[in-house]
């Protein structure tokens, strides 16, 4: 029997790959959100810092840097000055579709609608 694993930002063999990836998203969000004491929201600066630190290589290799910047600038959908986890995951998805080579052939509007 494999040992149970706590959600941490590494692959855990007791979890599936997708479950580990989901836990990593939560861990990354939480580690940046805790900088100002609000673990459920990122302020605009924490969000920009998160993407610059965590996705630097992906953003630099983007075929459409301008679109990537627009996605980050539009991240606070409800305009409350904070980014919750749902907004964070939505932006992360759009950036992946805009920047990752897997989506290059499909030209999926850079994941931004």
Protein backbone atom coordinates (compact mmCIF):
# COMPACT_ATOMS: atom_id res chain seq x y z
CA UNK A 1 0.00 0.00 0.00
CA UNK A 2 1.38 3.41 -1.02
CA UNK A 3 1.61 6.12 1.63
CA UNK A 4 -0.88 8.99 1.60
CA UNK A 5 0.61 12.29 0.52
CA UNK A 6 -0.07 15.80 1.67
CA UNK A 7 -0.77 18.33 -1.12
CA UNK A 8 2.63 19.85 -1.83
CA UNK A 9 4.13 21.31 -4.98
CA UNK A 10 5.77 18.08 -6.15
CA UNK A 11 4.49 14.96 -7.90
CA UNK A 12 3.19 12.40 -5.44
CA UNK A 13 2.96 8.80 -6.68
CA UNK A 14 -0.10 8.13 -4.49
CA UNK A 15 -1.95 10.80 -6.49
CA UNK A 16 -2.70 10.92 -10.17
CA UNK A 17 -0.79 13.38 -12.32
CA UNK A 18 -3.82 15.64 -12.70
CA UNK A 19 -4.53 15.62 -8.97
CA UNK A 20 -0.91 16.57 -8.29
CA UNK A 21 -1.13 19.37 -10.87
CA UNK A 22 -4.30 20.67 -9.21
CA UNK A 23 -2.62 20.62 -5.81
CA UNK A 24 0.33 22.49 -7.27
CA UNK A 25 -1.97 25.23 -8.60
CA UNK A 26 -3.45 25.66 -5.12
CA UNK A 27 0.00 25.64 -3.51
CA UNK A 28 1.40 28.25 -5.90
CA UNK A 29 -1.67 30.47 -5.47
CA UNK A 30 -1.59 30.18 -1.70
CA UNK A 31 2.16 30.83 -1.36
CA UNK A 32 1.83 34.09 -3.28
CA UNK A 33 -1.49 35.12 -1.73
CA UNK A 34 -0.11 34.77 1.78
CA UNK A 35 2.39 37.57 1.15
CA UNK A 36 -0.16 40.17 2.27
CA UNK A 37 -2.00 37.91 4.72
CA UNK A 38 -5.11 37.20 2.59
CA UNK A 39 -4.79 33.57 1.53
CA UNK A 40 -7.92 33.67 -0.64
CA UNK A 41 -6.97 36.59 -2.88
CA UNK A 42 -4.00 37.96 -4.75
CA UNK A 43 -3.64 41.67 -5.20
CA UNK A 44 -2.64 42.89 -8.66
CA UNK A 45 1.06 43.09 -7.73
CA UNK A 46 1.14 39.60 -6.22
CA UNK A 47 -0.46 38.24 -9.37
CA UNK A 48 2.01 39.95 -11.68
CA UNK A 49 4.89 38.76 -9.46
CA UNK A 50 3.49 35.22 -9.49
CA UNK A 51 3.39 35.04 -13.28
CA UNK A 52 6.81 36.65 -13.69
CA UNK A 53 8.39 34.20 -11.21
CA UNK A 54 6.45 31.06 -12.06
CA UNK A 55 5.93 31.44 -15.83
CA UNK A 56 8.92 33.50 -16.94
CA UNK A 57 10.17 30.96 -19.50
CA UNK A 58 6.71 30.26 -20.89
CA UNK A 59 5.95 33.97 -21.26
CA UNK A 60 9.31 34.71 -22.88
CA UNK A 61 8.72 31.99 -25.46
CA UNK A 62 5.20 33.20 -26.24
CA UNK A 63 4.45 33.73 -29.92
CA UNK A 64 2.14 36.60 -28.96
CA UNK A 65 3.73 38.53 -26.10
CA UNK A 66 1.27 41.40 -26.47
CA UNK A 67 -1.69 39.03 -26.04
CA UNK A 68 -0.02 37.45 -22.98
CA UNK A 69 0.34 40.90 -21.41
CA UNK A 70 -3.30 41.70 -22.21
CA UNK A 71 -4.42 38.49 -20.49
CA UNK A 72 -2.50 39.41 -17.34
CA UNK A 73 -3.79 42.99 -17.42
CA UNK A 74 -7.40 41.76 -17.70
CA UNK A 75 -7.12 39.23 -14.89
CA UNK A 76 -9.36 40.96 -12.35
CA UNK A 77 -12.64 40.17 -14.07
CA UNK A 78 -14.97 41.52 -11.40
CA UNK A 79 -12.80 44.64 -10.90
CA UNK A 80 -12.63 44.32 -7.11
CA UNK A 81 -8.87 44.89 -7.04
CA UNK A 82 -8.27 41.29 -6.00
CA UNK A 83 -7.84 38.02 -7.86
CA UNK A 84 -9.50 34.96 -6.39
CA UNK A 85 -8.55 31.38 -7.19
CA UNK A 86 -11.16 31.02 -9.95
CA UNK A 87 -9.85 34.12 -11.75
CA UNK A 88 -6.28 32.86 -11.26
CA UNK A 89 -7.02 29.47 -12.85
CA UNK A 90 -8.87 31.12 -15.74
CA UNK A 91 -5.89 33.37 -16.48
CA UNK A 92 -3.44 30.48 -16.13
CA UNK A 93 -5.47 28.46 -18.65
CA UNK A 94 -5.52 31.33 -21.14
CA UNK A 95 -1.78 31.89 -20.78
CA UNK A 96 -1.07 28.19 -21.31
CA UNK A 97 -3.17 28.20 -24.48
CA UNK A 98 -1.44 31.34 -25.68
CA UNK A 99 2.12 30.28 -24.90
CA UNK A 100 2.45 26.49 -24.87
CA UNK A 101 3.62 24.79 -28.05
CA UNK A 102 0.90 22.12 -27.71
CA UNK A 103 -1.71 24.65 -28.85
CA UNK A 104 0.38 26.25 -31.60
CA UNK A 105 -1.05 24.29 -34.53
CA UNK A 106 -4.66 24.90 -33.57
CA UNK A 107 -4.18 28.67 -33.24
CA UNK A 108 -6.93 28.80 -30.61
CA UNK A 109 -7.20 32.59 -30.41
CA UNK A 110 -4.40 32.46 -27.90
CA UNK A 111 -6.91 31.08 -25.38
CA UNK A 112 -8.44 34.52 -25.00
CA UNK A 113 -12.09 35.14 -25.80
